[in-house]
Amino acid sequence: MTCYAPFRIIVWKGMLVTEPLWYLTKDGDRTCLDLYERHYSCYRYRDGRKRVLFAGPGEKIVLRTGDGDAMFVWRKFIDASGEQGINCAVFRNESPNLASDLIRQADAIADHCWPGERHYTYVNSKAVRSRNPGFCFVAAGWRRCGLTKGGLLIMERP
């Protein structure tokens, strides 16, 4: 399956130019792995094993910015919580780009690859620094739609 990222229009030397924010990469991309290891949801092996992959099982799309300062992982899998659709398994933004712009473009890529599927994610309100957990998703047009049994905030794109 080939998916193409949408483009951002910028002005460069007086001309309108299109610039992609996301590029497709693979699970295990070293730069993304470094970003993942700084994400609050990063799983640490008790026996000290070194991680090579980070996206988890199932069908997946791993996206990164050209500079490697943001990553996004979509997963389609059987979710034990019963949620249906494609899951934003990891999103980390250390780039100057607005998180909501990155999310909207990641949504467009997922729409192209999995048309008609619901988009959802979980946010651990206790683990994020924001006083408004999930706000970047809300700014991208998502909504809060409940809590898991474990207390994670469930968010979806309507």
N, C-alpha and C. Protein backbone atom coordinates (compact mmCIF):
# COMPACT_ATOMS: atom_id res chain seq x y z
N MET A 1 0.84 -1.16 0.00
CA MET A 1 0.00 0.00 0.00
C MET A 1 0.90 1.23 0.00
N THR A 2 0.61 2.19 -0.86
CA THR A 2 1.37 3.43 -0.91
C THR A 2 0.46 4.57 -0.49
N CYS A 3 0.91 5.36 0.44
CA CYS A 3 0.15 6.51 0.91
C CYS A 3 1.02 7.75 0.76
N TYR A 4 0.42 8.82 0.35
CA TYR A 4 1.17 10.06 0.18
C TYR A 4 0.68 11.08 1.19
N ALA A 5 1.61 11.79 1.78
CA ALA A 5 1.27 12.81 2.77
C ALA A 5 0.70 14.04 2.09
N PRO A 6 -0.25 14.71 2.73
CA PRO A 6 -0.70 15.99 2.22
C PRO A 6 0.43 17.01 2.36
N PHE A 7 0.28 18.14 1.72
CA PHE A 7 1.34 19.13 1.71
C PHE A 7 0.89 20.40 2.40
N ARG A 8 1.85 21.12 2.92
CA ARG A 8 1.62 22.44 3.50
C ARG A 8 2.12 23.44 2.46
N ILE A 9 1.38 24.51 2.27
CA ILE A 9 1.81 25.55 1.32
C ILE A 9 2.57 26.61 2.10
N ILE A 10 3.77 26.93 1.63
CA ILE A 10 4.60 27.94 2.28
C ILE A 10 5.07 28.93 1.22
N VAL A 11 5.51 30.09 1.67
CA VAL A 11 6.08 31.08 0.76
C VAL A 11 7.59 31.00 0.92
N TRP A 12 8.28 30.81 -0.20
CA TRP A 12 9.73 30.71 -0.20
C TRP A 12 10.26 31.55 -1.35
N LYS A 13 11.07 32.54 -1.01
CA LYS A 13 11.63 33.45 -2.02
C LYS A 13 10.53 34.04 -2.91
N GLY A 14 9.41 34.41 -2.28
CA GLY A 14 8.32 35.05 -3.00
C GLY A 14 7.42 34.11 -3.79
N MET A 15 7.68 32.80 -3.74
CA MET A 15 6.86 31.84 -4.49
C MET A 15 6.10 30.95 -3.51
N LEU A 16 4.92 30.49 -3.94
CA LEU A 16 4.19 29.50 -3.16
C LEU A 16 4.77 28.13 -3.46
N VAL A 17 5.14 27.42 -2.42
CA VAL A 17 5.77 26.11 -2.57
C VAL A 17 5.03 25.13 -1.66
N THR A 18 4.91 23.88 -2.10
CA THR A 18 4.30 22.87 -1.23
C THR A 18 5.39 22.09 -0.51
N GLU A 19 5.13 21.83 0.75
CA GLU A 19 6.12 21.13 1.58
C GLU A 19 5.39 20.06 2.39
N PRO A 20 5.78 18.81 2.29
CA PRO A 20 5.14 17.79 3.12
C PRO A 20 5.62 17.91 4.56
N LEU A 21 4.70 17.71 5.49
CA LEU A 21 5.09 17.68 6.90
C LEU A 21 5.48 16.27 7.32
N TRP A 22 4.81 15.27 6.78
CA TRP A 22 5.05 13.87 7.16
C TRP A 22 5.69 13.08 6.03
N TYR A 23 6.55 12.17 6.41
CA TYR A 23 7.14 11.20 5.49
C TYR A 23 6.91 9.82 6.07
N LEU A 24 6.63 8.86 5.21
CA LEU A 24 6.48 7.48 5.65
C LEU A 24 7.83 6.92 6.04
N THR A 25 7.86 6.14 7.08
CA THR A 25 9.07 5.44 7.49
C THR A 25 8.66 4.07 8.00
N LYS A 26 9.59 3.36 8.60
CA LYS A 26 9.32 2.00 9.07
C LYS A 26 9.38 1.93 10.59
N ASP A 27 8.66 0.94 11.13
CA ASP A 27 8.78 0.64 12.54
C ASP A 27 10.24 0.29 12.79
N GLY A 28 10.84 0.92 13.76
CA GLY A 28 12.26 0.70 14.04
C GLY A 28 13.16 1.82 13.55
N ASP A 29 12.59 2.80 12.82
CA ASP A 29 13.37 3.98 12.42
C ASP A 29 14.07 4.52 13.67
N ARG A 30 15.38 4.62 13.61
CA ARG A 30 16.17 4.96 14.80
C ARG A 30 15.80 6.33 15.39
N THR A 31 15.56 7.30 14.53
CA THR A 31 15.20 8.63 15.02
C THR A 31 13.84 8.58 15.72
N CYS A 32 12.89 7.87 15.13
CA CYS A 32 11.58 7.72 15.75
C CYS A 32 11.67 6.93 17.05
N LEU A 33 12.54 5.94 17.07
CA LEU A 33 12.73 5.16 18.29
C LEU A 33 13.21 6.07 19.43
N ASP A 34 14.12 6.98 19.12
CA ASP A 34 14.60 7.93 20.13
C ASP A 34 13.44 8.81 20.63
N LEU A 35 12.60 9.28 19.70
CA LEU A 35 11.43 10.07 20.09
C LEU A 35 10.49 9.23 20.96
N TYR A 36 10.25 8.00 20.54
CA TYR A 36 9.36 7.11 21.30
C TYR A 36 9.87 6.91 22.72
N GLU A 37 11.16 6.77 22.87
CA GLU A 37 11.71 6.53 24.21
C GLU A 37 11.57 7.75 25.12
N ARG A 38 11.25 8.91 24.56
CA ARG A 38 10.96 10.10 25.37
C ARG A 38 9.45 10.30 25.58
N HIS A 39 8.63 9.43 24.98
CA HIS A 39 7.17 9.51 25.11
C HIS A 39 6.74 8.89 26.43
N TYR A 40 5.72 9.45 27.06
CA TYR A 40 5.29 8.95 28.37
C TYR A 40 4.81 7.50 28.32
N SER A 41 4.35 7.02 27.18
CA SER A 41 3.81 5.66 27.10
C SER A 41 4.88 4.61 26.79
N CYS A 42 6.12 5.03 26.66
CA CYS A 42 7.19 4.09 26.31
C CYS A 42 7.27 2.96 27.34
N TYR A 43 7.22 1.74 26.84
CA TYR A 43 7.32 0.56 27.71
C TYR A 43 8.79 0.24 27.93
N ARG A 44 9.17 0.07 29.17
CA ARG A 44 10.55 -0.26 29.52
C ARG A 44 10.61 -1.72 29.95
N TYR A 45 11.48 -2.48 29.31
CA TYR A 45 11.64 -3.89 29.67
C TYR A 45 12.32 -4.00 31.03
N ARG A 46 11.79 -4.84 31.89
CA ARG A 46 12.37 -5.03 33.23
C ARG A 46 13.73 -5.69 33.18
N ASP A 47 13.92 -6.54 32.15
CA ASP A 47 15.20 -7.27 32.07
C ASP A 47 16.28 -6.47 31.34
N GLY A 48 15.98 -5.21 30.97
CA GLY A 48 16.99 -4.35 30.36
C GLY A 48 17.19 -4.53 28.87
N ARG A 49 16.33 -5.35 28.23
CA ARG A 49 16.48 -5.54 26.78
C ARG A 49 16.40 -4.21 26.04
N LYS A 50 17.13 -4.13 24.94
CA LYS A 50 17.09 -2.95 24.08
C LYS A 50 15.94 -3.11 23.09
N ARG A 51 15.17 -2.09 22.94
CA ARG A 51 14.05 -2.09 22.00
C ARG A 51 14.58 -1.86 20.59
N VAL A 52 13.97 -2.56 19.63
CA VAL A 52 14.30 -2.34 18.23
C VAL A 52 13.08 -1.78 17.50
N LEU A 53 11.89 -2.28 17.84
CA LEU A 53 10.63 -1.82 17.24
C LEU A 53 9.80 -1.11 18.31
N PHE A 54 8.88 -0.26 17.88
CA PHE A 54 8.09 0.50 18.85
C PHE A 54 6.61 0.57 18.52
N ALA A 55 6.19 0.22 17.31
CA ALA A 55 4.81 0.45 16.89
C ALA A 55 3.82 -0.59 17.39
N GLY A 56 4.27 -1.78 17.70
CA GLY A 56 3.36 -2.82 18.16
C GLY A 56 2.81 -3.63 17.00
N PRO A 57 2.07 -4.70 17.33
CA PRO A 57 1.56 -5.60 16.29
C PRO A 57 0.41 -4.98 15.50
N GLY A 58 0.09 -5.61 14.39
CA GLY A 58 -1.03 -5.17 13.56
C GLY A 58 -0.56 -4.39 12.35
N GLU A 59 -1.53 -3.98 11.57
CA GLU A 59 -1.25 -3.15 10.39
C GLU A 59 -0.91 -1.75 10.91
N LYS A 60 0.11 -1.12 10.36
CA LYS A 60 0.56 0.16 10.90
C LYS A 60 1.12 1.08 9.84
N ILE A 61 1.09 2.36 10.16
CA ILE A 61 1.74 3.40 9.37
C ILE A 61 2.57 4.22 10.34
N VAL A 62 3.85 4.35 10.06
CA VAL A 62 4.73 5.16 10.89
C VAL A 62 5.12 6.39 10.08
N LEU A 63 4.89 7.56 10.67
CA LEU A 63 5.19 8.83 10.01
C LEU A 63 6.22 9.59 10.83
N ARG A 64 7.06 10.35 10.13
CA ARG A 64 8.03 11.22 10.80
C ARG A 64 8.19 12.49 9.98
N THR A 65 8.59 13.55 10.63
CA THR A 65 8.90 14.78 9.90
C THR A 65 10.28 14.62 9.27
N GLY A 66 10.56 15.47 8.30
CA GLY A 66 11.84 15.41 7.62
C GLY A 66 13.03 15.57 8.56
N ASP A 67 12.87 16.43 9.56
CA ASP A 67 13.95 16.65 10.52
C ASP A 67 13.97 15.61 11.64
N GLY A 68 12.97 14.74 11.66
CA GLY A 68 12.92 13.71 12.70
C GLY A 68 12.59 14.25 14.07
N ASP A 69 11.85 15.37 14.11
CA ASP A 69 11.51 15.96 15.40
C ASP A 69 10.04 15.78 15.78
N ALA A 70 9.34 14.95 15.01
CA ALA A 70 7.97 14.56 15.35
C ALA A 70 7.70 13.20 14.73
N MET A 71 6.84 12.43 15.39
CA MET A 71 6.46 11.11 14.88
C MET A 71 5.00 10.84 15.20
N PHE A 72 4.41 9.98 14.38
CA PHE A 72 3.00 9.61 14.55
C PHE A 72 2.87 8.17 14.10
N VAL A 73 2.19 7.34 14.88
CA VAL A 73 1.99 5.94 14.52
C VAL A 73 0.50 5.64 14.51
N TRP A 74 0.00 5.16 13.36
CA TRP A 74 -1.36 4.64 13.25
C TRP A 74 -1.29 3.12 13.30
N ARG A 75 -2.21 2.52 14.05
CA ARG A 75 -2.30 1.05 14.11
C ARG A 75 -3.74 0.61 13.92
N LYS A 76 -3.91 -0.43 13.13
CA LYS A 76 -5.21 -1.10 13.00
C LYS A 76 -5.00 -2.50 13.56
N PHE A 77 -5.68 -2.78 14.66
CA PHE A 77 -5.48 -4.05 15.37
C PHE A 77 -6.72 -4.35 16.19
N ILE A 78 -6.78 -5.53 16.76
CA ILE A 78 -7.88 -5.89 17.64
C ILE A 78 -7.56 -5.32 19.02
N ASP A 79 -8.30 -4.31 19.40
CA ASP A 79 -8.05 -3.59 20.65
C ASP A 79 -8.81 -4.29 21.78
N ALA A 80 -8.10 -4.68 22.81
CA ALA A 80 -8.71 -5.40 23.94
C ALA A 80 -9.79 -4.58 24.65
N SER A 81 -9.75 -3.27 24.51
CA SER A 81 -10.75 -2.42 25.17
C SER A 81 -12.07 -2.41 24.42
N GLY A 82 -12.08 -2.98 23.20
CA GLY A 82 -13.30 -3.00 22.41
C GLY A 82 -13.45 -1.82 21.47
N GLU A 83 -12.53 -0.87 21.50
CA GLU A 83 -12.61 0.28 20.59
C GLU A 83 -12.40 -0.20 19.16
N GLN A 84 -13.11 0.41 18.23
CA GLN A 84 -13.04 0.05 16.82
C GLN A 84 -12.41 1.19 16.03
N GLY A 85 -11.70 0.84 14.96
CA GLY A 85 -11.13 1.85 14.08
C GLY A 85 -9.62 1.75 14.04
N ILE A 86 -9.00 2.86 13.68
CA ILE A 86 -7.54 2.91 13.67
C ILE A 86 -7.09 3.79 14.83
N ASN A 87 -6.04 3.32 15.47
CA ASN A 87 -5.58 3.91 16.71
C ASN A 87 -4.31 4.72 16.50
N CYS A 88 -4.32 5.94 17.03
CA CYS A 88 -3.08 6.71 17.11
C CYS A 88 -2.34 6.14 18.31
N ALA A 89 -1.36 5.29 18.04
CA ALA A 89 -0.64 4.59 19.10
C ALA A 89 0.40 5.48 19.76
N VAL A 90 1.02 6.35 18.98
CA VAL A 90 2.03 7.27 19.51
C VAL A 90 2.00 8.55 18.69
N PHE A 91 2.02 9.67 19.37
CA PHE A 91 2.24 10.96 18.72
C PHE A 91 3.16 11.75 19.62
N ARG A 92 4.28 12.17 19.07
CA ARG A 92 5.22 13.01 19.82
C ARG A 92 5.68 14.13 18.89
N ASN A 93 5.58 15.34 19.38
CA ASN A 93 5.97 16.51 18.59
C ASN A 93 7.00 17.33 19.35
N GLU A 94 8.21 17.35 18.86
CA GLU A 94 9.26 18.23 19.38
C GLU A 94 9.64 19.25 18.32
N SER A 95 8.80 19.38 17.30
CA SER A 95 9.09 20.26 16.17
C SER A 95 8.45 21.63 16.39
N PRO A 96 8.79 22.61 15.53
CA PRO A 96 8.14 23.92 15.63
C PRO A 96 6.72 23.91 15.04
N ASN A 97 6.31 22.82 14.40
CA ASN A 97 4.98 22.74 13.80
C ASN A 97 3.91 22.63 14.88
N LEU A 98 2.75 23.21 14.62
CA LEU A 98 1.63 23.07 15.54
C LEU A 98 1.22 21.60 15.59
N ALA A 99 1.03 21.08 16.78
CA ALA A 99 0.62 19.68 16.93
C ALA A 99 -0.70 19.43 16.20
N SER A 100 -1.62 20.38 16.26
CA SER A 100 -2.91 20.19 15.59
C SER A 100 -2.75 20.09 14.08
N ASP A 101 -1.82 20.84 13.48
CA ASP A 101 -1.56 20.71 12.04
C ASP A 101 -1.02 19.33 11.71
N LEU A 102 -0.11 18.85 12.53
CA LEU A 102 0.46 17.51 12.31
C LEU A 102 -0.63 16.44 12.43
N ILE A 103 -1.50 16.58 13.42
CA ILE A 103 -2.58 15.60 13.60
C ILE A 103 -3.52 15.62 12.41
N ARG A 104 -3.92 16.81 11.95
CA ARG A 104 -4.82 16.89 10.79
C ARG A 104 -4.20 16.23 9.57
N GLN A 105 -2.91 16.45 9.35
CA GLN A 105 -2.27 15.83 8.18
C GLN A 105 -2.14 14.32 8.36
N ALA A 106 -1.87 13.87 9.58
CA ALA A 106 -1.83 12.43 9.83
C ALA A 106 -3.21 11.82 9.61
N ASP A 107 -4.26 12.55 10.00
CA ASP A 107 -5.63 12.10 9.74
C ASP A 107 -5.88 11.93 8.24
N ALA A 108 -5.41 12.89 7.45
CA ALA A 108 -5.62 12.82 6.00
C ALA A 108 -4.92 11.60 5.40
N ILE A 109 -3.74 11.29 5.90
CA ILE A 109 -3.01 10.11 5.41
C ILE A 109 -3.79 8.85 5.78
N ALA A 110 -4.26 8.77 7.02
CA ALA A 110 -5.03 7.61 7.46
C ALA A 110 -6.32 7.48 6.67
N ASP A 111 -6.97 8.60 6.36
CA ASP A 111 -8.20 8.55 5.55
C ASP A 111 -7.93 7.97 4.17
N HIS A 112 -6.78 8.29 3.62
CA HIS A 112 -6.41 7.76 2.31
C HIS A 112 -6.14 6.26 2.38
N CYS A 113 -5.48 5.83 3.43
CA CYS A 113 -5.08 4.42 3.55
C CYS A 113 -6.19 3.53 4.09
N TRP A 114 -7.02 4.06 4.97
CA TRP A 114 -8.13 3.31 5.57
C TRP A 114 -9.40 4.15 5.47
N PRO A 115 -9.97 4.30 4.27
CA PRO A 115 -11.13 5.18 4.12
C PRO A 115 -12.31 4.72 4.99
N GLY A 116 -12.97 5.70 5.59
CA GLY A 116 -14.17 5.42 6.37
C GLY A 116 -13.95 4.89 7.77
N GLU A 117 -12.71 4.72 8.19
CA GLU A 117 -12.43 4.18 9.53
C GLU A 117 -12.47 5.30 10.59
N ARG A 118 -12.93 4.95 11.76
CA ARG A 118 -12.91 5.85 12.91
C ARG A 118 -11.46 6.02 13.37
N HIS A 119 -11.09 7.22 13.77
CA HIS A 119 -9.76 7.49 14.33
C HIS A 119 -9.93 7.69 15.83
N TYR A 120 -9.09 7.03 16.63
CA TYR A 120 -9.18 7.20 18.08
C TYR A 120 -7.80 7.09 18.71
N THR A 121 -7.71 7.59 19.93
CA THR A 121 -6.47 7.49 20.70
C THR A 121 -6.80 7.49 22.18
N TYR A 122 -5.81 7.18 22.98
CA TYR A 122 -5.92 7.24 24.43
C TYR A 122 -4.92 8.27 24.95
N VAL A 123 -5.33 9.02 25.97
CA VAL A 123 -4.43 9.98 26.60
C VAL A 123 -4.43 9.69 28.10
N ASN A 124 -3.24 9.54 28.65
CA ASN A 124 -3.10 9.35 30.09
C ASN A 124 -2.98 10.74 30.73
N SER A 125 -4.09 11.23 31.26
CA SER A 125 -4.14 12.58 31.81
C SER A 125 -3.13 12.80 32.93
N LYS A 126 -2.79 11.73 33.64
CA LYS A 126 -1.85 11.84 34.76
C LYS A 126 -0.40 11.91 34.30
N ALA A 127 -0.13 11.49 33.07
CA ALA A 127 1.25 11.40 32.60
C ALA A 127 1.67 12.56 31.70
N VAL A 128 0.72 13.35 31.23
CA VAL A 128 1.08 14.48 30.35
C VAL A 128 1.24 15.74 31.18
N ARG A 129 2.05 16.66 30.69
CA ARG A 129 2.33 17.90 31.41
C ARG A 129 1.19 18.92 31.31
N SER A 130 0.40 18.81 30.26
CA SER A 130 -0.64 19.80 30.00
C SER A 130 -1.73 19.79 31.08
N ARG A 131 -2.23 20.97 31.38
CA ARG A 131 -3.39 21.07 32.27
C ARG A 131 -4.67 20.74 31.52
N ASN A 132 -4.57 20.65 30.20
CA ASN A 132 -5.72 20.35 29.35
C ASN A 132 -5.36 19.14 28.48
N PRO A 133 -5.33 17.94 29.04
CA PRO A 133 -4.87 16.75 28.30
C PRO A 133 -5.68 16.52 27.03
N GLY A 134 -4.95 16.26 25.95
CA GLY A 134 -5.59 16.00 24.66
C GLY A 134 -5.97 17.24 23.89
N PHE A 135 -5.60 18.42 24.38
CA PHE A 135 -6.02 19.66 23.71
C PHE A 135 -5.56 19.73 22.27
N CYS A 136 -4.36 19.25 21.96
CA CYS A 136 -3.88 19.33 20.57
C CYS A 136 -4.80 18.52 19.65
N PHE A 137 -5.37 17.42 20.14
CA PHE A 137 -6.32 16.65 19.35
C PHE A 137 -7.64 17.41 19.19
N VAL A 138 -8.10 18.05 20.27
CA VAL A 138 -9.32 18.86 20.21
C VAL A 138 -9.13 19.98 19.18
N ALA A 139 -7.98 20.64 19.19
CA ALA A 139 -7.69 21.71 18.24
C ALA A 139 -7.66 21.21 16.80
N ALA A 140 -7.41 19.90 16.63
CA ALA A 140 -7.39 19.30 15.29
C ALA A 140 -8.77 18.77 14.89
N GLY A 141 -9.78 19.00 15.74
CA GLY A 141 -11.15 18.59 15.40
C GLY A 141 -11.62 17.31 16.06
N TRP A 142 -10.83 16.77 16.97
CA TRP A 142 -11.23 15.56 17.69
C TRP A 142 -12.09 15.95 18.89
N ARG A 143 -12.66 14.91 19.54
CA ARG A 143 -13.45 15.15 20.75
C ARG A 143 -13.15 14.10 21.81
N ARG A 144 -13.40 14.47 23.04
CA ARG A 144 -13.27 13.52 24.15
C ARG A 144 -14.55 12.70 24.17
N CYS A 145 -14.42 11.38 24.32
CA CYS A 145 -15.64 10.56 24.25
C CYS A 145 -15.73 9.51 25.35
N GLY A 146 -14.94 9.63 26.40
CA GLY A 146 -15.09 8.69 27.50
C GLY A 146 -13.77 8.33 28.14
N LEU A 147 -13.85 7.36 29.05
CA LEU A 147 -12.68 6.87 29.76
C LEU A 147 -12.63 5.35 29.67
N THR A 148 -11.42 4.81 29.65
CA THR A 148 -11.26 3.36 29.72
C THR A 148 -11.43 2.92 31.17
N LYS A 149 -11.51 1.62 31.38
CA LYS A 149 -11.60 1.09 32.75
C LYS A 149 -10.40 1.53 33.58
N GLY A 150 -9.25 1.68 32.92
CA GLY A 150 -8.03 2.09 33.61
C GLY A 150 -7.89 3.59 33.79
N GLY A 151 -8.88 4.37 33.33
CA GLY A 151 -8.87 5.81 33.53
C GLY A 151 -8.23 6.63 32.41
N LEU A 152 -7.88 5.98 31.28
CA LEU A 152 -7.33 6.74 30.16
C LEU A 152 -8.45 7.48 29.44
N LEU A 153 -8.16 8.68 29.01
CA LEU A 153 -9.11 9.48 28.24
C LEU A 153 -9.17 8.91 26.82
N ILE A 154 -10.39 8.63 26.33
CA ILE A 154 -10.57 8.16 24.95
C ILE A 154 -10.95 9.37 24.12
N MET A 155 -10.24 9.56 23.02
CA MET A 155 -10.53 10.66 22.10
C MET A 155 -10.77 10.08 20.73
N GLU A 156 -11.65 10.72 19.96
CA GLU A 156 -11.94 10.26 18.60
C GLU A 156 -12.13 11.45 17.68
N ARG A 157 -11.91 11.18 16.42
CA ARG A 157 -12.22 12.19 15.41
C ARG A 157 -13.62 11.89 14.92
N PRO A 158 -14.55 12.83 15.08
CA PRO A 158 -15.94 12.57 14.64
C PRO A 158 -16.05 12.49 13.13
